[in-house]
Amino acid sequence: MKVRSSLKSLKSRHRDCKIVRRKGKVYVINKTDPRFKAKQG
């Protein structure tokens, strides 16, 4: 999982990426291709 200061660039890498907020942290999750996972905060 990548830790990034800005997640917008990672969301555009794959069409199935979704941005999710959990417990004050922001995550990029991708069901079809899990290597695009990322977290912020």
C-alpha atoms as a PDB file:
ATOM      1  CA  MET A   1       0.000   0.000   0.000  1.00  0.00           C
ATOM      2  CA  LYS A   2       1.318   3.421  -0.960  1.00  0.00           C
ATOM      3  CA  VAL A   3       1.183   6.312   1.507  1.00  0.00           C
ATOM      4  CA  ARG A   4       0.683   9.535  -0.433  1.00  0.00           C
ATOM      5  CA  SER A   5       0.212  13.208   0.340  1.00  0.00           C
ATOM      6  CA  SER A   6      -2.186  13.545  -2.600  1.00  0.00           C
ATOM      7  CA  LEU A   7      -4.463  10.704  -3.692  1.00  0.00           C
ATOM      8  CA  LYS A   8      -5.986  12.351  -6.750  1.00  0.00           C
ATOM      9  CA  SER A   9      -3.132  11.219  -8.972  1.00  0.00           C
ATOM     10  CA  LEU A  10      -3.491   7.612  -7.827  1.00  0.00           C
ATOM     11  CA  LYS A  11      -7.244   7.534  -8.387  1.00  0.00           C
ATOM     12  CA  SER A  12      -6.774   8.299 -12.077  1.00  0.00           C
ATOM     13  CA  ARG A  13      -4.397   5.388 -12.646  1.00  0.00           C
ATOM     14  CA  HIS A  14      -7.169   2.795 -12.935  1.00  0.00           C
ATOM     15  CA  ARG A  15     -10.845   3.113 -13.766  1.00  0.00           C
ATOM     16  CA  ASP A  16     -12.026   0.965 -10.811  1.00  0.00           C
ATOM     17  CA  CYS A  17     -10.265   2.994  -8.106  1.00  0.00           C
ATOM     18  CA  LYS A  18     -12.546   4.424  -5.429  1.00  0.00           C
ATOM     19  CA  ILE A  19     -11.772   6.939  -2.685  1.00  0.00           C
ATOM     20  CA  VAL A  20     -13.072   5.913   0.747  1.00  0.00           C
ATOM     21  CA  ARG A  21     -12.880   7.671   4.137  1.00  0.00           C
ATOM     22  CA  ARG A  22     -12.416   5.481   7.195  1.00  0.00           C
ATOM     23  CA  LYS A  23     -11.692   6.764  10.718  1.00  0.00           C
ATOM     24  CA  GLY A  24     -10.369  10.088   9.435  1.00  0.00           C
ATOM     25  CA  LYS A  25      -8.026   8.477   6.926  1.00  0.00           C
ATOM     26  CA  VAL A  26      -8.523   8.558   3.168  1.00  0.00           C
ATOM     27  CA  TYR A  27      -7.998   5.343   1.199  1.00  0.00           C
ATOM     28  CA  VAL A  28      -7.914   4.427  -2.460  1.00  0.00           C
ATOM     29  CA  ILE A  29      -9.264   0.905  -2.903  1.00  0.00           C
ATOM     30  CA  ASN A  30      -9.528  -1.204  -6.018  1.00  0.00           C
ATOM     31  CA  LYS A  31     -11.319  -4.557  -5.998  1.00  0.00           C
ATOM     32  CA  THR A  32     -10.171  -5.734  -9.417  1.00  0.00           C
ATOM     33  CA  ASP A  33      -6.491  -4.747  -9.100  1.00  0.00           C
ATOM     34  CA  PRO A  34      -5.387  -4.584  -5.435  1.00  0.00           C
ATOM     35  CA  ARG A  35      -1.915  -3.180  -6.175  1.00  0.00           C
ATOM     36  CA  PHE A  36      -3.441   0.305  -6.518  1.00  0.00           C
ATOM     37  CA  LYS A  37      -4.287   0.528  -2.801  1.00  0.00           C
ATOM     38  CA  ALA A  38      -3.197   3.764  -1.138  1.00  0.00           C
ATOM     39  CA  LYS A  39      -3.765   5.660   2.094  1.00  0.00           C
ATOM     40  CA  GLN A  40      -3.509   9.248   3.279  1.00  0.00           C
ATOM     41  CA  GLY A  41      -3.569  10.757   6.768  1.00  0.00           C
END
